[in-house]
Amino acid sequence: MVQGTMSNAGKSLLVAGLCRIFKQDGYRVAPFKSQNMALNSFITSEGLEMGRAQVMQAEAAGMTPMVCMNPILLKPTNHTGSQVIVNGEVLGNMSARDYFAFKKQLVPDIKKAFKKLEEYADIIVIEGAGSPAEINLKQNDIVNMGMAEMVDAPVLLVGDIDRGGVFAQLLGTLMLLEEKEKKRVKGLVINKFRGDKSILDPGIEMLEEKGDVPVVGVVPYMELSLEDEDSLTERFDRKSEGLIDIAVIRYPRISNFTDFNVFEQMPEVTVRYVTSISELHHPDIIFLPGSKNTMGDLKWMRQNGLEAAVKKLSEDIPVFGICGGYQMLGQEISDPDGVEEGGKIRGMELLPVSTILMPEKKRCQIEGKIERLSGLFHVLSDCKFKGYEIHMGRTGTEEKVVVTSDMNENIYGSYVHGLFDEGTIANSMIQTLAEKKGIRIENGEFEDYQTFKDKQYDKLADTLRMYLNMEEIYEMLGESHLE
């Protein structure tokens, strides 16, 4: 099990890297996280919902994503409550206090999911959440030391040196653990290190002496294009503009922004996440991503002026809405059952559709061909696609993969997440935008996105092999890769 001293210490990528290493060494390996809090989710082939971090880790492990890898998913709906998803199905909305009192009842679901995963894997790499030393949350813990005890797992504790204070992080965490919990910690990892390690060595010696736990790796800061924890992603901080400038509206409840990761690996293309008119500028395309609260996020855009700015820019550049963003582009969103905020709200009135929010969530994988399109992206007509739908609303002309407007041919909307990941769709869109600007993008034939991701997983594994003591880690598992 991999636990961290805080959120964004690098647990998710370390789990992915270990999964890749074990796979390369000939083991059947799978990731597991008992409880994930995230707005980025995925739909399995059975139509069940799980966190995308475990999907990324499953890819690294060479396994098909299964909901038993993430039996509990919490999707925040506001600052104090979340939609609770258990075994891929919506259980309901709960306040933080209610869920804290309820979560122990989910232990049988966690154990059952883990036991099922054991049928598929020789090694399971478990990811914790936040910190195991959150003393206000330790009672009835099901995701950190409580999880480790449930399945008798040794623990690697990871600290992030990039933000400073890593020795205090690691030692403070160990000090706040109960003695039986501390005994589970078999190794410490210092993550995201930049510089000369020899300068760090005296600190490591003192850390091992005071903590009585060996440091099994000092992992350098890595430049990787892989999915990260959605609440703390560094993607949101990028402000540079390339030859092709993509703006994604970052509303308060943005979800599944992983839809746009494929564009980040393309030369001369930048993806910026925009929260105000002053940041918007004049991009080549605007994406309205998914939202966990479509009505609330549309009101936010309306209040800060982004709605008016996007509508004005749509006269000149394409605007593409995915899922909640697609719903916003329509004429009206109504919520008769109070799924989000109740009542009705006027849409952006850029697409000839209206949406009714429904209590039942639609969850399915989908593939096929995009129907004939007009406007700038007519080149996408008949392109093959593969993706998934996950939404509470029902929208007119839902049978279409991509919906356009006869009034404004720059407007596009779709319910399909992952639409741009497969085949040539993303490549064709970027080349079309370049032609519109009268410029040429070098190396126009971009690498297949899955091939690109596989190379990133291999790069991650190669780096971890260099900087982690894998022999010690294998010994923690009770076996040696040298056999």
Protein backbone atom coordinates (compact mmCIF):
# COMPACT_ATOMS: atom_id res chain seq x y z
CA MET A 1 0.00 0.00 0.00
CA VAL A 2 1.14 3.52 -0.86
CA GLN A 3 0.12 6.28 1.54
CA GLY A 4 1.09 9.94 1.49
CA THR A 5 1.77 12.69 3.98
CA MET A 6 -0.78 14.87 2.16
CA SER A 7 -2.90 15.03 -0.97
CA ASN A 8 -0.87 15.36 -4.17
CA ALA A 9 2.26 13.87 -2.61
CA GLY A 10 2.46 11.66 -5.70
CA LYS A 11 0.64 8.53 -4.53
CA SER A 12 -1.36 8.03 -7.74
CA LEU A 13 1.67 8.11 -10.04
CA LEU A 14 3.79 6.01 -7.68
CA VAL A 15 1.06 3.35 -7.66
CA ALA A 16 0.88 3.50 -11.47
CA GLY A 17 4.66 3.19 -11.75
CA LEU A 18 4.80 0.20 -9.40
CA CYS A 19 1.96 -1.43 -11.33
CA ARG A 20 3.96 -0.98 -14.53
CA ILE A 21 7.14 -2.40 -12.97
CA PHE A 22 5.38 -5.48 -11.61
CA LYS A 23 3.71 -6.00 -15.00
CA GLN A 24 7.07 -5.72 -16.77
CA ASP A 25 8.46 -8.30 -14.32
CA GLY A 26 5.82 -10.81 -15.38
CA TYR A 27 3.22 -10.45 -12.60
CA ARG A 28 -0.50 -9.96 -12.93
CA VAL A 29 -0.96 -6.69 -11.08
CA ALA A 30 -3.93 -4.48 -10.27
CA PRO A 31 -4.49 -1.13 -8.52
CA PHE A 32 -6.99 -0.60 -5.70
CA LYS A 33 -8.35 2.42 -3.85
CA SER A 34 -11.17 1.74 -1.42
CA GLN A 35 -12.49 5.31 -1.45
CA ASN A 36 -11.72 8.00 -3.99
CA MET A 37 -12.97 11.60 -3.96
CA ALA A 38 -12.87 13.00 -7.48
CA LEU A 39 -14.95 14.62 -10.19
CA ASN A 40 -13.09 12.75 -12.95
CA SER A 41 -14.81 9.42 -13.43
CA PHE A 42 -15.04 6.62 -15.98
CA ILE A 43 -17.69 4.13 -17.07
CA THR A 44 -16.74 0.47 -17.34
CA SER A 45 -18.00 -1.90 -20.03
CA GLU A 46 -20.74 -2.98 -17.58
CA GLY A 47 -21.93 0.63 -17.24
CA LEU A 48 -20.49 1.10 -13.75
CA GLU A 49 -18.78 4.28 -12.54
CA MET A 50 -15.30 4.48 -11.02
CA GLY A 51 -12.52 7.01 -10.46
CA ARG A 52 -10.25 7.80 -13.40
CA ALA A 53 -7.09 7.56 -11.29
CA GLN A 54 -7.62 3.82 -10.97
CA VAL A 55 -8.35 3.62 -14.70
CA MET A 56 -4.97 5.25 -15.37
CA GLN A 57 -3.30 2.81 -12.97
CA ALA A 58 -5.08 -0.14 -14.58
CA GLU A 59 -3.75 1.00 -17.97
CA ALA A 60 -0.25 1.03 -16.50
CA ALA A 61 -0.86 -2.49 -15.20
CA GLY A 62 -2.15 -3.67 -18.57
CA MET A 63 -5.54 -4.54 -17.09
CA THR A 64 -9.08 -3.70 -18.14
CA PRO A 65 -10.55 -1.23 -15.61
CA MET A 66 -12.97 -2.91 -13.19
CA VAL A 67 -15.18 -1.21 -10.65
CA CYS A 68 -13.81 -3.49 -7.90
CA MET A 69 -10.59 -1.43 -8.20
CA ASN A 70 -12.48 1.54 -6.71
CA PRO A 71 -15.60 0.39 -4.81
CA ILE A 72 -16.41 3.82 -3.31
CA LEU A 73 -16.35 7.07 -5.30
CA LEU A 74 -17.32 10.41 -3.76
CA LYS A 75 -18.19 13.18 -6.23
CA PRO A 76 -18.45 16.56 -4.46
CA THR A 77 -21.65 18.45 -5.25
CA ASN A 78 -20.86 21.42 -2.99
CA HIS A 79 -18.40 22.39 -0.25
CA THR A 80 -20.00 20.11 2.35
CA GLY A 81 -21.58 17.21 0.45
CA SER A 82 -20.98 14.57 -2.20
CA GLN A 83 -22.75 12.08 -4.40
CA VAL A 84 -21.84 8.66 -2.98
CA ILE A 85 -21.24 5.91 -5.54
CA VAL A 86 -20.81 2.34 -4.29
CA ASN A 87 -19.75 -0.49 -6.61
CA GLY A 88 -20.36 1.77 -9.57
CA GLU A 89 -23.97 2.66 -8.65
CA VAL A 90 -25.28 5.91 -7.16
CA LEU A 91 -26.23 5.40 -3.52
CA GLY A 92 -27.35 9.01 -3.03
CA ASN A 93 -26.16 12.43 -1.85
CA MET A 94 -24.76 12.82 1.66
CA SER A 95 -23.33 15.61 3.74
CA ALA A 96 -19.77 15.14 4.96
CA ARG A 97 -21.03 14.56 8.51
CA ASP A 98 -23.60 11.97 7.44
CA TYR A 99 -21.09 10.11 5.31
CA PHE A 100 -18.51 10.10 8.13
CA ALA A 101 -21.10 8.39 10.35
CA PHE A 102 -22.18 6.00 7.58
CA LYS A 103 -18.93 4.89 5.94
CA LYS A 104 -18.16 2.00 8.31
CA GLN A 105 -21.21 0.24 6.86
CA LEU A 106 -19.32 0.07 3.56
CA VAL A 107 -16.52 -2.16 4.92
CA PRO A 108 -18.21 -5.36 3.59
CA ASP A 109 -18.35 -3.77 0.11
CA ILE A 110 -14.65 -2.90 0.30
CA LYS A 111 -13.68 -6.40 1.41
CA LYS A 112 -15.83 -8.01 -1.27
CA ALA A 113 -14.30 -5.81 -4.00
CA PHE A 114 -10.77 -6.55 -2.81
CA LYS A 115 -11.47 -10.28 -2.66
CA LYS A 116 -12.80 -10.19 -6.23
CA LEU A 117 -9.69 -8.35 -7.40
CA GLU A 118 -7.51 -11.02 -5.81
CA GLU A 119 -8.96 -13.47 -8.32
CA TYR A 120 -7.32 -11.49 -11.14
CA ALA A 121 -4.00 -10.34 -9.66
CA ASP A 122 -0.81 -11.73 -8.13
CA ILE A 123 0.02 -8.31 -6.68
CA ILE A 124 -2.41 -5.54 -5.70
CA VAL A 125 -1.03 -2.03 -5.22
CA ILE A 126 -3.32 -0.05 -2.91
CA GLU A 127 -3.50 3.74 -2.88
CA GLY A 128 -4.39 5.66 0.26
CA ALA A 129 -6.10 9.05 0.38
CA GLY A 130 -4.87 12.32 1.84
CA SER A 131 -2.87 11.53 4.98
CA PRO A 132 -3.10 8.67 7.50
CA ALA A 133 -2.37 11.18 10.27
CA GLU A 134 -5.60 13.20 9.96
CA ILE A 135 -6.51 12.54 13.58
CA ASN A 136 -10.03 13.95 13.16
CA LEU A 137 -10.75 11.36 10.44
CA LYS A 138 -8.98 8.31 11.88
CA GLN A 139 -12.04 6.90 13.62
CA ASN A 140 -13.53 4.16 11.43
CA ASP A 141 -10.88 4.80 8.73
CA ILE A 142 -11.49 2.76 5.58
CA VAL A 143 -8.93 4.23 3.18
CA ASN A 144 -5.53 4.56 4.93
CA MET A 145 -4.31 2.54 7.92
CA GLY A 146 -7.75 1.04 8.39
CA MET A 147 -7.52 -0.33 4.86
CA ALA A 148 -3.95 -1.56 5.38
CA GLU A 149 -5.03 -3.43 8.50
CA MET A 150 -8.08 -4.85 6.71
CA VAL A 151 -5.88 -6.71 4.20
CA ASP A 152 -2.62 -6.85 6.21
CA ALA A 153 -0.63 -4.72 3.75
CA PRO A 154 2.86 -3.25 4.25
CA VAL A 155 2.94 0.51 3.69
CA LEU A 156 5.19 2.87 1.76
CA LEU A 157 4.83 6.45 3.04
CA VAL A 158 5.47 9.17 0.45
CA GLY A 159 6.35 12.82 1.10
CA ASP A 160 6.55 15.70 -1.39
CA ILE A 161 9.85 17.60 -1.07
CA ASP A 162 8.96 20.03 -3.86
CA ARG A 163 6.65 22.00 -1.56
CA GLY A 164 9.16 21.99 1.30
CA GLY A 165 9.10 20.53 4.80
CA VAL A 166 9.38 16.90 3.73
CA PHE A 167 11.27 15.79 6.85
CA ALA A 168 8.61 17.30 9.10
CA GLN A 169 5.91 15.74 6.92
CA LEU A 170 7.33 12.24 7.20
CA LEU A 171 8.42 12.38 10.85
CA GLY A 172 5.24 14.16 11.93
CA THR A 173 3.11 11.53 10.21
CA LEU A 174 5.04 8.69 11.87
CA MET A 175 4.73 10.38 15.28
CA LEU A 176 0.95 10.70 14.95
CA LEU A 177 0.47 7.06 14.04
CA GLU A 178 -0.37 4.47 16.65
CA GLU A 179 2.45 2.03 17.35
CA LYS A 180 0.76 -0.83 15.50
CA GLU A 181 0.20 1.49 12.52
CA LYS A 182 3.79 2.71 12.51
CA LYS A 183 4.97 -0.91 12.37
CA ARG A 184 3.15 -1.26 9.06
CA VAL A 185 5.30 1.49 7.50
CA LYS A 186 8.18 -0.45 5.93
CA GLY A 187 9.69 2.33 3.85
CA LEU A 188 9.72 6.08 3.23
CA VAL A 189 9.85 7.71 -0.21
CA ILE A 190 10.91 11.31 -0.82
CA ASN A 191 9.17 12.40 -4.00
CA LYS A 192 9.58 15.23 -6.55
CA PHE A 193 13.23 15.96 -5.69
CA ARG A 194 15.21 18.49 -7.74
CA GLY A 195 18.96 18.93 -7.36
CA ASP A 196 22.01 17.14 -5.98
CA LYS A 197 21.00 14.18 -3.80
CA SER A 198 24.32 14.25 -1.91
CA ILE A 199 23.17 17.48 -0.27
CA LEU A 200 20.10 15.60 0.96
CA ASP A 201 21.99 12.62 2.45
CA PRO A 202 22.59 14.05 5.96
CA GLY A 203 18.88 14.77 6.25
CA ILE A 204 18.04 11.23 5.14
CA GLU A 205 20.34 9.77 7.79
CA MET A 206 18.66 11.85 10.49
CA LEU A 207 15.20 10.95 9.11
CA GLU A 208 15.97 7.23 9.30
CA GLU A 209 17.46 7.60 12.78
CA LYS A 210 14.54 9.55 14.24
CA GLY A 211 11.80 7.71 12.32
CA ASP A 212 13.30 4.23 12.59
CA VAL A 213 12.04 3.50 9.07
CA PRO A 214 14.37 3.18 6.03
CA VAL A 215 14.18 5.59 3.10
CA VAL A 216 13.72 3.31 0.10
CA GLY A 217 13.88 5.99 -2.57
CA VAL A 218 14.42 9.61 -3.49
CA VAL A 219 12.41 10.06 -6.68
CA PRO A 220 13.17 13.04 -8.92
CA TYR A 221 10.59 15.50 -10.19
CA MET A 222 9.30 13.99 -13.44
CA GLU A 223 7.82 15.72 -16.47
CA LEU A 224 5.05 13.28 -17.38
CA SER A 225 1.81 13.71 -19.30
CA LEU A 226 -0.42 11.43 -17.27
CA GLU A 227 -3.62 11.99 -15.34
CA ASP A 228 -3.21 13.35 -11.84
CA GLU A 229 -5.39 14.10 -8.82
CA ASP A 230 -8.10 16.33 -10.22
CA SER A 231 -8.50 18.58 -7.19
CA LEU A 232 -4.84 19.64 -7.13
CA THR A 233 -3.70 19.28 -10.72
CA GLU A 234 -0.95 21.61 -11.94
CA ARG A 235 -2.69 21.71 -15.32
CA PHE A 236 -4.92 24.49 -14.01
CA ASP A 237 -1.91 26.76 -13.53
CA ARG A 238 -0.71 26.75 -17.14
CA LYS A 239 -1.10 30.14 -18.82
CA SER A 240 1.24 30.04 -21.87
CA GLU A 241 -0.23 30.21 -25.37
CA GLY A 242 1.12 28.12 -28.25
CA LEU A 243 0.58 28.36 -31.98
CA ILE A 244 -2.74 26.65 -31.38
CA ASP A 245 -4.31 27.97 -28.18
CA ILE A 246 -7.05 25.92 -26.51
CA ALA A 247 -9.09 27.48 -23.69
CA VAL A 248 -11.08 25.23 -21.33
CA ILE A 249 -13.55 27.02 -19.06
CA ARG A 250 -12.70 26.02 -15.51
CA TYR A 251 -15.91 26.43 -13.59
CA PRO A 252 -16.12 25.62 -9.85
CA ARG A 253 -17.50 22.09 -10.37
CA ILE A 254 -15.50 21.14 -13.47
CA SER A 255 -15.43 17.38 -14.06
CA ASN A 256 -13.74 14.99 -16.48
CA PHE A 257 -11.28 17.58 -17.77
CA THR A 258 -9.22 14.54 -18.78
CA ASP A 259 -11.18 14.80 -22.04
CA PHE A 260 -8.60 17.40 -23.16
CA ASN A 261 -5.38 15.68 -22.08
CA VAL A 262 -4.87 14.28 -25.57
CA PHE A 263 -4.24 17.78 -26.93
CA GLU A 264 -1.46 18.44 -24.42
CA GLN A 265 0.93 15.98 -26.05
CA MET A 266 0.71 17.70 -29.44
CA PRO A 267 3.55 19.98 -30.60
CA GLU A 268 2.78 23.73 -30.66
CA VAL A 269 -0.57 23.19 -28.88
CA THR A 270 -1.33 24.56 -25.40
CA VAL A 271 -4.33 23.89 -23.19
CA ARG A 272 -5.23 26.67 -20.74
CA TYR A 273 -7.85 26.47 -17.97
CA VAL A 274 -9.67 29.79 -17.76
CA THR A 275 -11.63 31.24 -14.82
CA SER A 276 -12.15 34.87 -15.89
CA ILE A 277 -12.60 37.13 -18.92
CA SER A 278 -9.11 38.55 -18.36
CA GLU A 279 -7.62 35.07 -18.85
CA LEU A 280 -9.72 34.15 -21.88
CA HIS A 281 -8.01 36.31 -24.55
CA HIS A 282 -8.75 35.10 -28.12
CA PRO A 283 -8.10 31.34 -28.25
CA ASP A 284 -8.47 29.17 -31.35
CA ILE A 285 -11.16 27.03 -29.72
CA ILE A 286 -13.11 27.09 -26.45
CA PHE A 287 -14.17 23.91 -24.67
CA LEU A 288 -16.96 23.84 -22.10
CA PRO A 289 -16.15 20.69 -20.09
CA GLY A 290 -18.32 18.49 -17.91
CA SER A 291 -19.75 19.77 -14.64
CA LYS A 292 -21.03 18.17 -11.44
CA ASN A 293 -23.45 21.10 -11.04
CA THR A 294 -24.38 22.31 -14.53
CA MET A 295 -26.95 24.88 -13.44
CA GLY A 296 -24.71 26.35 -10.75
CA ASP A 297 -21.69 26.51 -13.06
CA LEU A 298 -23.75 28.17 -15.80
CA LYS A 299 -24.88 30.80 -13.29
CA TRP A 300 -21.22 31.29 -12.33
CA MET A 301 -20.32 31.90 -15.99
CA ARG A 302 -23.25 34.27 -16.34
CA GLN A 303 -22.30 36.27 -13.26
CA ASN A 304 -18.60 36.70 -14.07
CA GLY A 305 -19.19 37.59 -17.71
CA LEU A 306 -17.64 34.48 -19.26
CA GLU A 307 -20.94 33.44 -20.84
CA ALA A 308 -21.24 36.71 -22.76
CA ALA A 309 -17.56 36.59 -23.74
CA VAL A 310 -17.82 33.00 -25.03
CA LYS A 311 -20.98 33.81 -27.01
CA LYS A 312 -19.26 36.78 -28.64
CA LEU A 313 -16.15 34.75 -29.52
CA SER A 314 -18.35 32.00 -30.99
CA GLU A 315 -19.02 34.29 -33.92
CA ASP A 316 -15.38 33.76 -34.95
CA ILE A 317 -14.07 30.58 -33.30
CA PRO A 318 -15.53 27.13 -32.50
CA VAL A 319 -17.06 26.44 -29.10
CA PHE A 320 -17.35 22.75 -28.15
CA GLY A 321 -19.34 21.58 -25.12
CA ILE A 322 -18.92 18.12 -23.58
CA CYS A 323 -21.59 16.65 -21.27
CA GLY A 324 -22.51 19.46 -18.84
CA GLY A 325 -20.94 21.95 -21.24
CA TYR A 326 -23.17 20.58 -24.00
CA GLN A 327 -26.22 21.06 -21.76
CA MET A 328 -25.21 24.68 -21.10
CA LEU A 329 -25.07 25.44 -24.83
CA GLY A 330 -28.77 24.58 -25.26
CA GLN A 331 -31.92 26.66 -24.89
CA GLU A 332 -32.93 25.63 -21.39
CA ILE A 333 -32.04 23.34 -18.48
CA SER A 334 -34.90 22.24 -16.24
CA ASP A 335 -34.64 20.34 -12.96
CA PRO A 336 -38.15 19.23 -11.94
CA ASP A 337 -36.89 16.66 -9.41
CA GLY A 338 -34.30 18.87 -7.70
CA VAL A 339 -31.34 16.83 -8.92
CA GLU A 340 -29.15 19.95 -8.76
CA GLU A 341 -30.87 23.20 -7.80
CA GLY A 342 -34.48 22.73 -8.93
CA GLY A 343 -36.49 24.95 -11.25
CA LYS A 344 -35.37 26.09 -14.69
CA ILE A 345 -32.54 28.14 -16.10
CA ARG A 346 -32.04 29.68 -19.53
CA GLY A 347 -29.17 28.12 -21.44
CA MET A 348 -26.61 29.92 -23.57
CA GLU A 349 -29.03 29.51 -26.51
CA LEU A 350 -26.34 28.44 -28.97
CA LEU A 351 -27.70 24.95 -29.73
CA PRO A 352 -31.29 24.01 -30.63
CA VAL A 353 -31.70 21.57 -27.71
CA SER A 354 -33.11 21.62 -24.19
CA THR A 355 -32.20 19.44 -21.21
CA ILE A 356 -34.25 17.90 -18.41
CA LEU A 357 -32.22 16.72 -15.42
CA MET A 358 -33.33 13.26 -14.31
CA PRO A 359 -32.83 11.35 -11.02
CA GLU A 360 -31.36 8.37 -12.89
CA LYS A 361 -27.81 8.65 -14.18
CA LYS A 362 -27.08 7.40 -17.69
CA ARG A 363 -23.89 5.33 -17.73
CA CYS A 364 -22.64 3.48 -20.78
CA GLN A 365 -19.71 2.97 -23.11
CA ILE A 366 -20.32 3.94 -26.71
CA GLU A 367 -18.55 3.66 -30.05
CA GLY A 368 -19.34 4.22 -33.71
CA LYS A 369 -18.95 6.90 -36.37
CA ILE A 370 -19.64 10.62 -36.16
CA GLU A 371 -22.52 11.57 -38.45
CA ARG A 372 -22.16 14.21 -41.18
CA LEU A 373 -21.15 17.58 -39.78
CA SER A 374 -21.13 21.05 -41.25
CA GLY A 375 -18.99 24.02 -40.38
CA LEU A 376 -15.30 24.11 -39.57
CA PHE A 377 -15.15 20.56 -38.27
CA HIS A 378 -16.90 18.90 -41.20
CA VAL A 379 -13.63 16.94 -41.51
CA LEU A 380 -14.77 14.87 -38.52
CA SER A 381 -17.68 13.41 -40.50
CA ASP A 382 -17.55 9.60 -40.52
CA CYS A 383 -14.61 9.51 -38.08
CA LYS A 384 -14.67 6.48 -35.79
CA PHE A 385 -14.90 7.22 -32.06
CA LYS A 386 -14.99 5.39 -28.76
CA GLY A 387 -15.94 6.83 -25.38
CA TYR A 388 -18.49 6.79 -22.61
CA GLU A 389 -21.51 8.73 -21.36
CA ILE A 390 -22.16 9.69 -17.75
CA HIS A 391 -24.86 12.28 -17.09
CA MET A 392 -28.08 12.97 -15.18
CA GLY A 393 -29.81 14.86 -18.00
CA ARG A 394 -31.80 13.95 -21.10
CA THR A 395 -31.26 16.26 -24.05
CA GLY A 396 -33.08 16.62 -27.39
CA THR A 397 -31.41 15.03 -30.46
CA GLU A 398 -29.56 12.77 -28.02
CA GLU A 399 -29.18 10.13 -30.71
CA LYS A 400 -26.52 12.28 -32.36
CA VAL A 401 -22.90 11.90 -31.26
CA VAL A 402 -22.09 15.53 -32.05
CA VAL A 403 -24.85 18.17 -32.20
CA THR A 404 -24.42 21.35 -34.26
CA SER A 405 -26.47 24.45 -34.98
CA ASP A 406 -27.74 25.64 -38.35
CA MET A 407 -27.64 29.21 -37.05
CA ASN A 408 -23.99 29.20 -35.91
CA GLU A 409 -21.78 26.56 -37.48
CA ASN A 410 -19.06 27.19 -34.88
CA ILE A 411 -21.07 25.47 -32.12
CA TYR A 412 -20.65 21.78 -31.27
CA GLY A 413 -21.93 19.66 -28.40
CA SER A 414 -21.62 16.02 -27.37
CA TYR A 415 -22.32 13.76 -24.40
CA VAL A 416 -19.33 11.52 -25.18
CA HIS A 417 -16.36 11.65 -22.82
CA GLY A 418 -13.11 10.44 -24.39
CA LEU A 419 -14.37 11.52 -27.82
CA PHE A 420 -10.99 12.96 -28.81
CA ASP A 421 -8.80 10.10 -27.55
CA GLU A 422 -9.29 7.58 -30.34
CA GLY A 423 -7.96 7.60 -33.90
CA THR A 424 -7.48 10.83 -35.83
CA ILE A 425 -10.16 13.10 -34.32
CA ALA A 426 -7.85 15.30 -32.20
CA ASN A 427 -5.24 15.45 -34.98
CA SER A 428 -7.85 16.50 -37.54
CA MET A 429 -9.21 19.23 -35.25
CA ILE A 430 -5.77 20.74 -34.64
CA GLN A 431 -4.83 20.65 -38.32
CA THR A 432 -8.16 22.33 -39.18
CA LEU A 433 -7.57 25.08 -36.62
CA ALA A 434 -4.05 25.61 -38.00
CA GLU A 435 -5.37 25.92 -41.56
CA LYS A 436 -7.96 28.45 -40.37
CA LYS A 437 -5.14 30.57 -38.96
CA GLY A 438 -3.08 30.18 -42.11
CA ILE A 439 -0.25 28.47 -40.30
CA ARG A 440 1.38 25.09 -40.58
CA ILE A 441 1.97 22.75 -37.64
CA GLU A 442 5.18 20.75 -38.02
CA ASN A 443 5.08 17.00 -37.44
CA GLY A 444 1.41 17.01 -38.26
CA GLU A 445 0.96 13.27 -37.92
CA PHE A 446 0.63 12.98 -34.17
CA GLU A 447 1.30 9.80 -32.27
CA ASP A 448 -1.65 7.62 -31.32
CA TYR A 449 -2.71 8.70 -27.84
CA GLN A 450 -2.63 5.21 -26.32
CA THR A 451 0.86 4.65 -27.72
CA PHE A 452 1.90 7.98 -26.21
CA LYS A 453 0.49 7.01 -22.81
CA ASP A 454 2.22 3.62 -22.89
CA LYS A 455 5.54 5.38 -23.44
CA GLN A 456 4.78 7.64 -20.47
CA TYR A 457 4.07 4.59 -18.26
CA ASP A 458 7.36 3.01 -19.36
CA LYS A 459 9.21 6.26 -18.66
CA LEU A 460 7.64 6.37 -15.20
CA ALA A 461 8.62 2.75 -14.50
CA ASP A 462 12.18 3.26 -15.78
CA THR A 463 12.62 6.27 -13.50
CA LEU A 464 11.26 4.48 -10.44
CA ARG A 465 13.54 1.49 -11.08
CA MET A 466 16.51 3.87 -11.00
CA TYR A 467 15.55 5.67 -7.79
CA LEU A 468 13.59 3.15 -5.71
CA ASN A 469 15.15 0.17 -3.97
CA MET A 470 12.97 -2.37 -5.74
CA GLU A 471 14.66 -5.29 -4.00
CA GLU A 472 13.48 -3.95 -0.63
CA ILE A 473 10.02 -3.38 -2.04
CA TYR A 474 9.85 -6.95 -3.32
CA GLU A 475 11.00 -8.17 0.10
CA MET A 476 8.05 -6.28 1.59
CA LEU A 477 5.83 -8.42 -0.61
CA GLY A 478 7.49 -11.54 0.78
CA GLU A 479 9.17 -12.58 -2.45
CA SER A 480 12.20 -11.65 -4.55
CA HIS A 481 12.25 -10.78 -8.23
CA LEU A 482 15.68 -12.42 -8.36
CA GLU A 483 14.20 -15.92 -7.95
